[in-house]
Amino acid sequence: MKKYTIQNSPFVVPTTDGKVIKEHFGNATDGNTKISIAHMIAPAGWSEPFQTPEFEEYTFIFKGKKQFIIDGETIVLEVGQSIKIEKNVRVQYSNPFTEPCEYLAICLPAFSMDKVNRE
């Protein structure tokens, strides 16, 4: 039995909005449906549509700021802060600020387009 896996070649998710998504573990990288871990960079001015994911999502901010609208409440996370958003909660992610935001996203179970329920 293999005791560990080092990820040197994360899957780079193709995007059209300037966001960089490097999935280290998860559906796209290794077929793991239990968890996904991705390194993200959201450019200044970036935003996604509202969604109601069927997974919990944890976010940890390394650089910049990220805005969350969670059931109508606006929250801004800064460097060193983290958040857990429960599954089946309506949320919008964005970076309306002037600097890129670099963060780690962890989804339980793993992120998948058929479970994100974007509007």
PDB file of N, CA and C in Angstrom:
ATOM      1  N   MET A   1       0.830  -1.181   0.000  1.00  0.00           N
ATOM      2  CA  MET A   1       0.000   0.000   0.000  1.00  0.00           C
ATOM      3  C   MET A   1       0.879   1.252   0.000  1.00  0.00           C
ATOM      4  N   LYS A   2       0.556   2.187  -0.876  1.00  0.00           N
ATOM      5  CA  LYS A   2       1.308   3.428  -0.958  1.00  0.00           C
ATOM      6  C   LYS A   2       0.991   4.284   0.258  1.00  0.00           C
ATOM      7  N   LYS A   3       2.023   4.806   0.909  1.00  0.00           N
ATOM      8  CA  LYS A   3       1.839   5.551   2.150  1.00  0.00           C
ATOM      9  C   LYS A   3       1.586   7.033   1.938  1.00  0.00           C
ATOM     10  N   TYR A   4       1.944   7.581   0.788  1.00  0.00           N
ATOM     11  CA  TYR A   4       1.700   9.006   0.542  1.00  0.00           C
ATOM     12  C   TYR A   4       1.754   9.295  -0.954  1.00  0.00           C
ATOM     13  N   THR A   5       1.221  10.437  -1.319  1.00  0.00           N
ATOM     14  CA  THR A   5       1.261  10.900  -2.704  1.00  0.00           C
ATOM     15  C   THR A   5       1.679  12.367  -2.705  1.00  0.00           C
ATOM     16  N   ILE A   6       2.733  12.659  -3.419  1.00  0.00           N
ATOM     17  CA  ILE A   6       3.161  14.048  -3.601  1.00  0.00           C
ATOM     18  C   ILE A   6       2.602  14.519  -4.938  1.00  0.00           C
ATOM     19  N   GLN A   7       1.938  15.658  -4.930  1.00  0.00           N
ATOM     20  CA  GLN A   7       1.336  16.176  -6.163  1.00  0.00           C
ATOM     21  C   GLN A   7       2.242  17.262  -6.740  1.00  0.00           C
ATOM     22  N   ASN A   8       2.908  16.946  -7.825  1.00  0.00           N
ATOM     23  CA  ASN A   8       3.757  17.921  -8.511  1.00  0.00           C
ATOM     24  C   ASN A   8       3.116  18.460  -9.786  1.00  0.00           C
ATOM     25  N   SER A   9       2.019  17.845 -10.215  1.00  0.00           N
ATOM     26  CA  SER A   9       1.384  18.233 -11.478  1.00  0.00           C
ATOM     27  C   SER A   9      -0.119  18.381 -11.293  1.00  0.00           C
ATOM     28  N   PRO A  10      -0.555  19.421 -10.580  1.00  0.00           N
ATOM     29  CA  PRO A  10      -1.992  19.593 -10.395  1.00  0.00           C
ATOM     30  C   PRO A  10      -2.684  19.804 -11.739  1.00  0.00           C
ATOM     31  N   PHE A  11      -3.970  19.461 -11.790  1.00  0.00           N
ATOM     32  CA  PHE A  11      -4.767  19.680 -12.995  1.00  0.00           C
ATOM     33  C   PHE A  11      -5.126  21.157 -13.063  1.00  0.00           C
ATOM     34  N   VAL A  12      -4.783  21.808 -14.163  1.00  0.00           N
ATOM     35  CA  VAL A  12      -5.138  23.215 -14.357  1.00  0.00           C
ATOM     36  C   VAL A  12      -6.486  23.246 -15.070  1.00  0.00           C
ATOM     37  N   VAL A  13      -7.491  23.715 -14.354  1.00  0.00           N
ATOM     38  CA  VAL A  13      -8.848  23.751 -14.883  1.00  0.00           C
ATOM     39  C   VAL A  13      -8.953  24.880 -15.904  1.00  0.00           C
ATOM     40  N   PRO A  14      -9.417  24.568 -17.121  1.00  0.00           N
ATOM     41  CA  PRO A  14      -9.558  25.647 -18.105  1.00  0.00           C
ATOM     42  C   PRO A  14     -10.650  26.631 -17.691  1.00  0.00           C
ATOM     43  N   THR A  15     -10.362  27.928 -17.785  1.00  0.00           N
ATOM     44  CA  THR A  15     -11.339  28.963 -17.435  1.00  0.00           C
ATOM     45  C   THR A  15     -11.370  30.020 -18.534  1.00  0.00           C
ATOM     46  N   THR A  16     -12.435  30.800 -18.544  1.00  0.00           N
ATOM     47  CA  THR A  16     -12.554  31.885 -19.519  1.00  0.00           C
ATOM     48  C   THR A  16     -12.625  33.245 -18.830  1.00  0.00           C
ATOM     49  N   ASP A  17     -12.506  33.252 -17.486  1.00  0.00           N
ATOM     50  CA  ASP A  17     -12.684  34.496 -16.734  1.00  0.00           C
ATOM     51  C   ASP A  17     -11.399  35.004 -16.071  1.00  0.00           C
ATOM     52  N   GLY A  18     -10.247  34.420 -16.439  1.00  0.00           N
ATOM     53  CA  GLY A  18      -8.974  34.866 -15.878  1.00  0.00           C
ATOM     54  C   GLY A  18      -8.596  34.211 -14.565  1.00  0.00           C
ATOM     55  N   LYS A  19      -9.510  33.427 -13.980  1.00  0.00           N
ATOM     56  CA  LYS A  19      -9.226  32.758 -12.713  1.00  0.00           C
ATOM     57  C   LYS A  19      -8.295  31.567 -12.960  1.00  0.00           C
ATOM     58  N   VAL A  20      -7.320  31.401 -12.085  1.00  0.00           N
ATOM     59  CA  VAL A  20      -6.401  30.265 -12.155  1.00  0.00           C
ATOM     60  C   VAL A  20      -6.851  29.244 -11.119  1.00  0.00           C
ATOM     61  N   ILE A  21      -7.108  28.009 -11.584  1.00  0.00           N
ATOM     62  CA  ILE A  21      -7.524  26.927 -10.695  1.00  0.00           C
ATOM     63  C   ILE A  21      -6.578  25.754 -10.910  1.00  0.00           C
ATOM     64  N   LYS A  22      -5.821  25.416  -9.879  1.00  0.00           N
ATOM     65  CA  LYS A  22      -4.914  24.269  -9.932  1.00  0.00           C
ATOM     66  C   LYS A  22      -5.380  23.256  -8.901  1.00  0.00           C
ATOM     67  N   GLU A  23      -6.096  22.232  -9.370  1.00  0.00           N
ATOM     68  CA  GLU A  23      -6.600  21.208  -8.467  1.00  0.00           C
ATOM     69  C   GLU A  23      -5.492  20.202  -8.173  1.00  0.00           C
ATOM     70  N   HIS A  24      -5.136  20.089  -6.889  1.00  0.00           N
ATOM     71  CA  HIS A  24      -4.086  19.161  -6.480  1.00  0.00           C
ATOM     72  C   HIS A  24      -4.636  17.757  -6.238  1.00  0.00           C
ATOM     73  N   PHE A  25      -5.812  17.682  -5.660  1.00  0.00           N
ATOM     74  CA  PHE A  25      -6.486  16.405  -5.446  1.00  0.00           C
ATOM     75  C   PHE A  25      -7.965  16.626  -5.685  1.00  0.00           C
ATOM     76  N   GLY A  26      -8.638  15.664  -6.297  1.00  0.00           N
ATOM     77  CA  GLY A  26     -10.065  15.791  -6.546  1.00  0.00           C
ATOM     78  C   GLY A  26     -10.493  15.074  -7.807  1.00  0.00           C
ATOM     79  N   ASN A  27     -11.723  15.305  -8.210  1.00  0.00           N
ATOM     80  CA  ASN A  27     -12.320  14.640  -9.370  1.00  0.00           C
ATOM     81  C   ASN A  27     -11.463  14.750 -10.626  1.00  0.00           C
ATOM     82  N   ALA A  28     -11.030  15.965 -10.953  1.00  0.00           N
ATOM     83  CA  ALA A  28     -10.318  16.194 -12.212  1.00  0.00           C
ATOM     84  C   ALA A  28      -8.896  15.637 -12.182  1.00  0.00           C
ATOM     85  N   THR A  29      -8.273  15.639 -11.013  1.00  0.00           N
ATOM     86  CA  THR A  29      -6.862  15.255 -10.922  1.00  0.00           C
ATOM     87  C   THR A  29      -6.662  13.752 -10.759  1.00  0.00           C
ATOM     88  N   ASP A  30      -7.306  13.186  -9.753  1.00  0.00           N
ATOM     89  CA  ASP A  30      -7.057  11.776  -9.447  1.00  0.00           C
ATOM     90  C   ASP A  30      -8.348  10.970  -9.253  1.00  0.00           C
ATOM     91  N   GLY A  31      -9.483  11.557  -9.648  1.00  0.00           N
ATOM     92  CA  GLY A  31     -10.755  10.832  -9.543  1.00  0.00           C
ATOM     93  C   GLY A  31     -11.297  10.738  -8.135  1.00  0.00           C
ATOM     94  N   ASN A  32     -10.717  11.492  -7.200  1.00  0.00           N
ATOM     95  CA  ASN A  32     -11.155  11.447  -5.808  1.00  0.00           C
ATOM     96  C   ASN A  32     -12.486  12.201  -5.670  1.00  0.00           C
ATOM     97  N   THR A  33     -13.535  11.501  -5.289  1.00  0.00           N
ATOM     98  CA  THR A  33     -14.844  12.132  -5.136  1.00  0.00           C
ATOM     99  C   THR A  33     -15.111  12.579  -3.699  1.00  0.00           C
ATOM    100  N   LYS A  34     -14.212  12.243  -2.759  1.00  0.00           N
ATOM    101  CA  LYS A  34     -14.433  12.558  -1.340  1.00  0.00           C
ATOM    102  C   LYS A  34     -13.993  13.960  -0.968  1.00  0.00           C
ATOM    103  N   ILE A  35     -12.920  14.456  -1.614  1.00  0.00           N
ATOM    104  CA  ILE A  35     -12.372  15.770  -1.274  1.00  0.00           C
ATOM    105  C   ILE A  35     -11.700  16.368  -2.500  1.00  0.00           C
ATOM    106  N   SER A  36     -11.763  17.674  -2.607  1.00  0.00           N
ATOM    107  CA  SER A  36     -10.940  18.350  -3.607  1.00  0.00           C
ATOM    108  C   SER A  36     -10.187  19.475  -2.909  1.00  0.00           C
ATOM    109  N   ILE A  37      -8.934  19.645  -3.332  1.00  0.00           N
ATOM    110  CA  ILE A  37      -8.069  20.682  -2.795  1.00  0.00           C
ATOM    111  C   ILE A  37      -7.484  21.428  -3.982  1.00  0.00           C
ATOM    112  N   ALA A  38      -7.724  22.739  -4.023  1.00  0.00           N
ATOM    113  CA  ALA A  38      -7.262  23.525  -5.164  1.00  0.00           C
ATOM    114  C   ALA A  38      -6.631  24.836  -4.726  1.00  0.00           C
ATOM    115  N   HIS A  39      -5.572  25.196  -5.438  1.00  0.00           N
ATOM    116  CA  HIS A  39      -4.902  26.481  -5.276  1.00  0.00           C
ATOM    117  C   HIS A  39      -5.523  27.413  -6.311  1.00  0.00           C
ATOM    118  N   MET A  40      -6.041  28.544  -5.878  1.00  0.00           N
ATOM    119  CA  MET A  40      -6.774  29.446  -6.757  1.00  0.00           C
ATOM    120  C   MET A  40      -6.175  30.847  -6.744  1.00  0.00           C
ATOM    121  N   ILE A  41      -6.279  31.512  -7.888  1.00  0.00           N
ATOM    122  CA  ILE A  41      -5.960  32.937  -7.971  1.00  0.00           C
ATOM    123  C   ILE A  41      -7.102  33.600  -8.735  1.00  0.00           C
ATOM    124  N   ALA A  42      -7.834  34.468  -8.040  1.00  0.00           N
ATOM    125  CA  ALA A  42      -8.945  35.204  -8.640  1.00  0.00           C
ATOM    126  C   ALA A  42      -8.456  36.607  -8.982  1.00  0.00           C
ATOM    127  N   PRO A  43      -8.504  36.976 -10.272  1.00  0.00           N
ATOM    128  CA  PRO A  43      -8.014  38.304 -10.642  1.00  0.00           C
ATOM    129  C   PRO A  43      -8.908  39.418 -10.093  1.00  0.00           C
ATOM    130  N   ALA A  44      -8.375  40.624 -10.040  1.00  0.00           N
ATOM    131  CA  ALA A  44      -9.161  41.792  -9.630  1.00  0.00           C
ATOM    132  C   ALA A  44     -10.373  41.906 -10.544  1.00  0.00           C
ATOM    133  N   GLY A  45     -11.531  42.173  -9.962  1.00  0.00           N
ATOM    134  CA  GLY A  45     -12.750  42.350 -10.732  1.00  0.00           C
ATOM    135  C   GLY A  45     -13.484  41.077 -11.089  1.00  0.00           C
ATOM    136  N   TRP A  46     -12.985  39.927 -10.675  1.00  0.00           N
ATOM    137  CA  TRP A  46     -13.574  38.627 -11.008  1.00  0.00           C
ATOM    138  C   TRP A  46     -14.828  38.351 -10.179  1.00  0.00           C
ATOM    139  N   SER A  47     -15.787  37.643 -10.777  1.00  0.00           N
ATOM    140  CA  SER A  47     -16.933  37.147 -10.004  1.00  0.00           C
ATOM    141  C   SER A  47     -17.526  35.935 -10.702  1.00  0.00           C
ATOM    142  N   GLU A  48     -18.236  35.134  -9.935  1.00  0.00           N
ATOM    143  CA  GLU A  48     -18.946  33.952 -10.441  1.00  0.00           C
ATOM    144  C   GLU A  48     -20.438  34.155 -10.218  1.00  0.00           C
ATOM    145  N   PRO A  49     -21.271  33.398 -10.940  1.00  0.00           N
ATOM    146  CA  PRO A  49     -22.713  33.446 -10.663  1.00  0.00           C
ATOM    147  C   PRO A  49     -23.008  32.869  -9.279  1.00  0.00           C
ATOM    148  N   PHE A  50     -24.189  33.181  -8.758  1.00  0.00           N
ATOM    149  CA  PHE A  50     -24.621  32.538  -7.521  1.00  0.00           C
ATOM    150  C   PHE A  50     -24.700  31.038  -7.741  1.00  0.00           C
ATOM    151  N   GLN A  51     -24.509  30.291  -6.661  1.00  0.00           N
ATOM    152  CA  GLN A  51     -24.581  28.828  -6.718  1.00  0.00           C
ATOM    153  C   GLN A  51     -25.061  28.303  -5.379  1.00  0.00           C
ATOM    154  N   THR A  52     -25.564  27.069  -5.397  1.00  0.00           N
ATOM    155  CA  THR A  52     -25.985  26.393  -4.161  1.00  0.00           C
ATOM    156  C   THR A  52     -25.364  24.995  -4.189  1.00  0.00           C
ATOM    157  N   PRO A  53     -24.091  24.884  -3.806  1.00  0.00           N
ATOM    158  CA  PRO A  53     -23.352  23.627  -3.931  1.00  0.00           C
ATOM    159  C   PRO A  53     -23.854  22.522  -2.992  1.00  0.00           C
ATOM    160  N   GLU A  54     -23.707  21.304  -3.463  1.00  0.00           N
ATOM    161  CA  GLU A  54     -24.037  20.125  -2.664  1.00  0.00           C
ATOM    162  C   GLU A  54     -22.793  19.611  -1.950  1.00  0.00           C
ATOM    163  N   PHE A  55     -21.896  20.527  -1.576  1.00  0.00           N
ATOM    164  CA  PHE A  55     -20.681  20.180  -0.832  1.00  0.00           C
ATOM    165  C   PHE A  55     -20.321  21.338   0.086  1.00  0.00           C
ATOM    166  N   GLU A  56     -19.604  21.029   1.170  1.00  0.00           N
ATOM    167  CA  GLU A  56     -19.050  22.070   2.038  1.00  0.00           C
ATOM    168  C   GLU A  56     -17.841  22.651   1.324  1.00  0.00           C
ATOM    169  N   GLU A  57     -17.617  23.950   1.499  1.00  0.00           N
ATOM    170  CA  GLU A  57     -16.419  24.548   0.911  1.00  0.00           C
ATOM    171  C   GLU A  57     -15.686  25.368   1.969  1.00  0.00           C
ATOM    172  N   TYR A  58     -14.405  25.065   2.107  1.00  0.00           N
ATOM    173  CA  TYR A  58     -13.510  25.790   3.013  1.00  0.00           C
ATOM    174  C   TYR A  58     -12.592  26.653   2.158  1.00  0.00           C
ATOM    175  N   THR A  59     -12.347  27.885   2.601  1.00  0.00           N
ATOM    176  CA  THR A  59     -11.461  28.793   1.874  1.00  0.00           C
ATOM    177  C   THR A  59     -10.478  29.404   2.862  1.00  0.00           C
ATOM    178  N   PHE A  60      -9.192  29.438   2.482  1.00  0.00           N
ATOM    179  CA  PHE A  60      -8.150  30.094   3.276  1.00  0.00           C
ATOM    180  C   PHE A  60      -7.444  31.101   2.375  1.00  0.00           C
ATOM    181  N   ILE A  61      -7.355  32.352   2.808  1.00  0.00           N
ATOM    182  CA  ILE A  61      -6.792  33.435   1.995  1.00  0.00           C
ATOM    183  C   ILE A  61      -5.289  33.605   2.268  1.00  0.00           C
ATOM    184  N   PHE A  62      -4.496  33.534   1.186  1.00  0.00           N
ATOM    185  CA  PHE A  62      -3.049  33.762   1.272  1.00  0.00           C
ATOM    186  C   PHE A  62      -2.670  35.202   0.929  1.00  0.00           C
ATOM    187  N   LYS A  63      -3.322  35.764  -0.098  1.00  0.00           N
ATOM    188  CA  LYS A  63      -3.009  37.124  -0.561  1.00  0.00           C
ATOM    189  C   LYS A  63      -4.299  37.791  -1.005  1.00  0.00           C
ATOM    190  N   GLY A  64      -4.393  39.094  -0.789  1.00  0.00           N
ATOM    191  CA  GLY A  64      -5.545  39.855  -1.252  1.00  0.00           C
ATOM    192  C   GLY A  64      -6.775  39.651  -0.384  1.00  0.00           C
ATOM    193  N   LYS A  65      -7.951  39.900  -0.989  1.00  0.00           N
ATOM    194  CA  LYS A  65      -9.233  39.776  -0.294  1.00  0.00           C
ATOM    195  C   LYS A  65     -10.220  39.079  -1.228  1.00  0.00           C
ATOM    196  N   LYS A  66     -11.211  38.423  -0.645  1.00  0.00           N
ATOM    197  CA  LYS A  66     -12.251  37.748  -1.415  1.00  0.00           C
ATOM    198  C   LYS A  66     -13.598  38.061  -0.779  1.00  0.00           C
ATOM    199  N   GLN A  67     -14.572  38.335  -1.636  1.00  0.00           N
ATOM    200  CA  GLN A  67     -15.919  38.651  -1.150  1.00  0.00           C
ATOM    201  C   GLN A  67     -16.837  37.449  -1.335  1.00  0.00           C
ATOM    202  N   PHE A  68     -17.678  37.230  -0.328  1.00  0.00           N
ATOM    203  CA  PHE A  68     -18.677  36.163  -0.333  1.00  0.00           C
ATOM    204  C   PHE A  68     -20.035  36.806  -0.071  1.00  0.00           C
ATOM    205  N   ILE A  69     -21.039  36.466  -0.848  1.00  0.00           N
ATOM    206  CA  ILE A  69     -22.411  36.838  -0.521  1.00  0.00           C
ATOM    207  C   ILE A  69     -23.107  35.524  -0.186  1.00  0.00           C
ATOM    208  N   ILE A  70     -23.425  35.356   1.099  1.00  0.00           N
ATOM    209  CA  ILE A  70     -23.971  34.100   1.612  1.00  0.00           C
ATOM    210  C   ILE A  70     -25.383  34.366   2.102  1.00  0.00           C
ATOM    211  N   ASP A  71     -26.363  33.830   1.380  1.00  0.00           N
ATOM    212  CA  ASP A  71     -27.777  34.066   1.710  1.00  0.00           C
ATOM    213  C   ASP A  71     -28.052  35.543   1.983  1.00  0.00           C
ATOM    214  N   GLY A  72     -27.518  36.426   1.119  1.00  0.00           N
ATOM    215  CA  GLY A  72     -27.786  37.859   1.227  1.00  0.00           C
ATOM    216  C   GLY A  72     -26.827  38.639   2.104  1.00  0.00           C
ATOM    217  N   GLU A  73     -25.976  37.956   2.875  1.00  0.00           N
ATOM    218  CA  GLU A  73     -25.010  38.631   3.753  1.00  0.00           C
ATOM    219  C   GLU A  73     -23.659  38.722   3.051  1.00  0.00           C
ATOM    220  N   THR A  74     -23.086  39.934   3.000  1.00  0.00           N
ATOM    221  CA  THR A  74     -21.791  40.139   2.355  1.00  0.00           C
ATOM    222  C   THR A  74     -20.678  40.041   3.386  1.00  0.00           C
ATOM    223  N   ILE A  75     -19.699  39.196   3.090  1.00  0.00           N
ATOM    224  CA  ILE A  75     -18.556  38.958   3.976  1.00  0.00           C
ATOM    225  C   ILE A  75     -17.289  39.131   3.152  1.00  0.00           C
ATOM    226  N   VAL A  76     -16.287  39.796   3.712  1.00  0.00           N
ATOM    227  CA  VAL A  76     -14.996  39.949   3.046  1.00  0.00           C
ATOM    228  C   VAL A  76     -13.935  39.276   3.908  1.00  0.00           C
ATOM    229  N   LEU A  77     -13.206  38.341   3.299  1.00  0.00           N
ATOM    230  CA  LEU A  77     -12.105  37.673   3.988  1.00  0.00           C
ATOM    231  C   LEU A  77     -10.790  38.291   3.537  1.00  0.00           C
ATOM    232  N   GLU A  78      -9.853  38.423   4.485  1.00  0.00           N
ATOM    233  CA  GLU A  78      -8.538  38.978   4.197  1.00  0.00           C
ATOM    234  C   GLU A  78      -7.465  37.944   4.515  1.00  0.00           C
ATOM    235  N   VAL A  79      -6.220  38.301   4.238  1.00  0.00           N
ATOM    236  CA  VAL A  79      -5.075  37.411   4.434  1.00  0.00           C
ATOM    237  C   VAL A  79      -5.097  36.777   5.822  1.00  0.00           C
ATOM    238  N   GLY A  80      -4.914  35.458   5.861  1.00  0.00           N
ATOM    239  CA  GLY A  80      -4.856  34.725   7.123  1.00  0.00           C
ATOM    240  C   GLY A  80      -6.202  34.289   7.643  1.00  0.00           C
ATOM    241  N   GLN A  81      -7.289  34.727   7.020  1.00  0.00           N
ATOM    242  CA  GLN A  81      -8.625  34.322   7.472  1.00  0.00           C
ATOM    243  C   GLN A  81      -9.109  33.127   6.650  1.00  0.00           C
ATOM    244  N   SER A  82     -10.045  32.392   7.249  1.00  0.00           N
ATOM    245  CA  SER A  82     -10.646  31.254   6.558  1.00  0.00           C
ATOM    246  C   SER A  82     -12.140  31.222   6.863  1.00  0.00           C
ATOM    247  N   ILE A  83     -12.853  30.451   6.045  1.00  0.00           N
ATOM    248  CA  ILE A  83     -14.298  30.322   6.203  1.00  0.00           C
ATOM    249  C   ILE A  83     -14.711  28.920   5.778  1.00  0.00           C
ATOM    250  N   LYS A  84     -15.758  28.430   6.413  1.00  0.00           N
ATOM    251  CA  LYS A  84     -16.397  27.179   6.005  1.00  0.00           C
ATOM    252  C   LYS A  84     -17.830  27.540   5.635  1.00  0.00           C
ATOM    253  N   ILE A  85     -18.235  27.167   4.425  1.00  0.00           N
ATOM    254  CA  ILE A  85     -19.603  27.395   3.986  1.00  0.00           C
ATOM    255  C   ILE A  85     -20.277  26.030   3.864  1.00  0.00           C
ATOM    256  N   GLU A  86     -21.382  25.875   4.559  1.00  0.00           N
ATOM    257  CA  GLU A  86     -22.095  24.598   4.576  1.00  0.00           C
ATOM    258  C   GLU A  86     -22.665  24.280   3.199  1.00  0.00           C
ATOM    259  N   LYS A  87     -22.894  23.001   2.939  1.00  0.00           N
ATOM    260  CA  LYS A  87     -23.506  22.608   1.673  1.00  0.00           C
ATOM    261  C   LYS A  87     -24.963  23.066   1.636  1.00  0.00           C
ATOM    262  N   ASN A  88     -25.477  23.186   0.422  1.00  0.00           N
ATOM    263  CA  ASN A  88     -26.863  23.605   0.172  1.00  0.00           C
ATOM    264  C   ASN A  88     -27.153  25.024   0.652  1.00  0.00           C
ATOM    265  N   VAL A  89     -26.108  25.878   0.683  1.00  0.00           N
ATOM    266  CA  VAL A  89     -26.250  27.287   1.039  1.00  0.00           C
ATOM    267  C   VAL A  89     -25.960  28.113  -0.223  1.00  0.00           C
ATOM    268  N   ARG A  90     -26.833  29.068  -0.518  1.00  0.00           N
ATOM    269  CA  ARG A  90     -26.651  29.917  -1.706  1.00  0.00           C
ATOM    270  C   ARG A  90     -25.520  30.907  -1.460  1.00  0.00           C
ATOM    271  N   VAL A  91     -24.562  30.932  -2.398  1.00  0.00           N
ATOM    272  CA  VAL A  91     -23.369  31.760  -2.227  1.00  0.00           C
ATOM    273  C   VAL A  91     -22.904  32.307  -3.575  1.00  0.00           C
ATOM    274  N   GLN A  92     -22.304  33.496  -3.522  1.00  0.00           N
ATOM    275  CA  GLN A  92     -21.604  34.026  -4.685  1.00  0.00           C
ATOM    276  C   GLN A  92     -20.202  34.411  -4.245  1.00  0.00           C
ATOM    277  N   TYR A  93     -19.222  33.997  -5.051  1.00  0.00           N
ATOM    278  CA  TYR A  93     -17.825  34.313  -4.799  1.00  0.00           C
ATOM    279  C   TYR A  93     -17.389  35.406  -5.765  1.00  0.00           C
ATOM    280  N   SER A  94     -16.599  36.387  -5.255  1.00  0.00           N
ATOM    281  CA  SER A  94     -16.090  37.423  -6.149  1.00  0.00           C
ATOM    282  C   SER A  94     -14.849  38.080  -5.555  1.00  0.00           C
ATOM    283  N   ASN A  95     -14.159  38.806  -6.430  1.00  0.00           N
ATOM    284  CA  ASN A  95     -13.038  39.646  -6.024  1.00  0.00           C
ATOM    285  C   ASN A  95     -13.252  41.019  -6.664  1.00  0.00           C
ATOM    286  N   PRO A  96     -14.076  41.869  -6.034  1.00  0.00           N
ATOM    287  CA  PRO A  96     -14.340  43.195  -6.590  1.00  0.00           C
ATOM    288  C   PRO A  96     -13.231  44.201  -6.283  1.00  0.00           C
ATOM    289  N   PHE A  97     -12.130  43.716  -5.759  1.00  0.00           N
ATOM    290  CA  PHE A  97     -11.048  44.588  -5.300  1.00  0.00           C
ATOM    291  C   PHE A  97     -10.016  44.803  -6.405  1.00  0.00           C
ATOM    292  N   THR A  98      -8.991  45.610  -6.128  1.00  0.00           N
ATOM    293  CA  THR A  98      -8.020  46.010  -7.157  1.00  0.00           C
ATOM    294  C   THR A  98      -6.818  45.083  -7.262  1.00  0.00           C
ATOM    295  N   GLU A  99      -6.671  44.155  -6.315  1.00  0.00           N
ATOM    296  CA  GLU A  99      -5.545  43.219  -6.332  1.00  0.00           C
ATOM    297  C   GLU A  99      -6.054  41.787  -6.495  1.00  0.00           C
ATOM    298  N   PRO A 100      -5.265  40.908  -7.129  1.00  0.00           N
ATOM    299  CA  PRO A 100      -5.662  39.505  -7.207  1.00  0.00           C
ATOM    300  C   PRO A 100      -5.785  38.890  -5.809  1.00  0.00           C
ATOM    301  N   CYS A 101      -6.586  37.849  -5.696  1.00  0.00           N
ATOM    302  CA  CYS A 101      -6.748  37.114  -4.442  1.00  0.00           C
ATOM    303  C   CYS A 101      -6.245  35.690  -4.648  1.00  0.00           C
ATOM    304  N   GLU A 102      -5.321  35.272  -3.791  1.00  0.00           N
ATOM    305  CA  GLU A 102      -4.783  33.910  -3.856  1.00  0.00           C
ATOM    306  C   GLU A 102      -5.284  33.151  -2.643  1.00  0.00           C
ATOM    307  N   TYR A 103      -5.838  31.950  -2.888  1.00  0.00           N
ATOM    308  CA  TYR A 103      -6.436  31.213  -1.781  1.00  0.00           C
ATOM    309  C   TYR A 103      -6.430  29.713  -2.032  1.00  0.00           C
ATOM    310  N   LEU A 104      -6.701  28.984  -0.979  1.00  0.00           N
ATOM    311  CA  LEU A 104      -6.837  27.531  -1.033  1.00  0.00           C
ATOM    312  C   LEU A 104      -8.304  27.207  -0.833  1.00  0.00           C
ATOM    313  N   ALA A 105      -8.851  26.356  -1.697  1.00  0.00           N
ATOM    314  CA  ALA A 105     -10.241  25.917  -1.570  1.00  0.00           C
ATOM    315  C   ALA A 105     -10.280  24.411  -1.372  1.00  0.00           C
ATOM    316  N   ILE A 106     -11.043  23.983  -0.376  1.00  0.00           N
ATOM    317  CA  ILE A 106     -11.213  22.552  -0.086  1.00  0.00           C
ATOM    318  C   ILE A 106     -12.705  22.269  -0.086  1.00  0.00           C
ATOM    319  N   CYS A 107     -13.116  21.285  -0.877  1.00  0.00           N
ATOM    320  CA  CYS A 107     -14.528  20.913  -0.959  1.00  0.00           C
ATOM    321  C   CYS A 107     -14.721  19.478  -0.483  1.00  0.00           C
ATOM    322  N   LEU A 108     -15.768  19.286   0.357  1.00  0.00           N
ATOM    323  CA  LEU A 108     -16.139  17.964   0.877  1.00  0.00           C
ATOM    324  C   LEU A 108     -17.623  17.731   0.617  1.00  0.00           C
ATOM    325  N   PRO A 109     -18.051  16.752  -0.153  1.00  0.00           N
ATOM    326  CA  PRO A 109     -17.208  15.946  -1.044  1.00  0.00           C
ATOM    327  C   PRO A 109     -16.605  16.817  -2.135  1.00  0.00           C
ATOM    328  N   ALA A 110     -15.845  16.200  -3.008  1.00  0.00           N
ATOM    329  CA  ALA A 110     -15.094  16.934  -4.020  1.00  0.00           C
ATOM    330  C   ALA A 110     -15.979  17.794  -4.914  1.00  0.00           C
ATOM    331  N   PHE A 111     -15.413  18.913  -5.378  1.00  0.00           N
ATOM    332  CA  PHE A 111     -16.090  19.776  -6.336  1.00  0.00           C
ATOM    333  C   PHE A 111     -16.405  18.985  -7.599  1.00  0.00           C
ATOM    334  N   SER A 112     -17.588  19.201  -8.122  1.00  0.00           N
ATOM    335  CA  SER A 112     -17.930  18.711  -9.456  1.00  0.00           C
ATOM    336  C   SER A 112     -18.992  19.628 -10.035  1.00  0.00           C
ATOM    337  N   MET A 113     -18.956  19.835 -11.333  1.00  0.00           N
ATOM    338  CA  MET A 113     -19.891  20.754 -11.991  1.00  0.00           C
ATOM    339  C   MET A 113     -21.340  20.317 -11.787  1.00  0.00           C
ATOM    340  N   ASP A 114     -21.584  19.016 -11.678  1.00  0.00           N
ATOM    341  CA  ASP A 114     -22.970  18.558 -11.516  1.00  0.00           C
ATOM    342  C   ASP A 114     -23.469  18.710 -10.083  1.00  0.00           C
ATOM    343  N   LYS A 115     -22.612  19.140  -9.164  1.00  0.00           N
ATOM    344  CA  LYS A 115     -23.035  19.352  -7.772  1.00  0.00           C
ATOM    345  C   LYS A 115     -22.930  20.814  -7.332  1.00  0.00           C
ATOM    346  N   VAL A 116     -22.487  21.715  -8.224  1.00  0.00           N
ATOM    347  CA  VAL A 116     -22.289  23.113  -7.835  1.00  0.00           C
ATOM    348  C   VAL A 116     -23.570  23.943  -7.974  1.00  0.00           C
ATOM    349  N   ASN A 117     -24.458  23.545  -8.888  1.00  0.00           N
ATOM    350  CA  ASN A 117     -25.764  24.196  -9.067  1.00  0.00           C
ATOM    351  C   ASN A 117     -25.656  25.697  -9.252  1.00  0.00           C
ATOM    352  N   ARG A 118     -24.914  26.104 -10.291  1.00  0.00           N
ATOM    353  CA  ARG A 118     -24.779  27.535 -10.608  1.00  0.00           C
ATOM    354  C   ARG A 118     -26.073  28.056 -11.221  1.00  0.00           C
ATOM    355  N   GLU A 119     -26.382  29.312 -10.929  1.00  0.00           N
ATOM    356  CA  GLU A 119     -27.594  29.949 -11.476  1.00  0.00           C
ATOM    357  C   GLU A 119     -27.305  30.565 -12.830  1.00  0.00           C
TER     358      GLU A 119
END
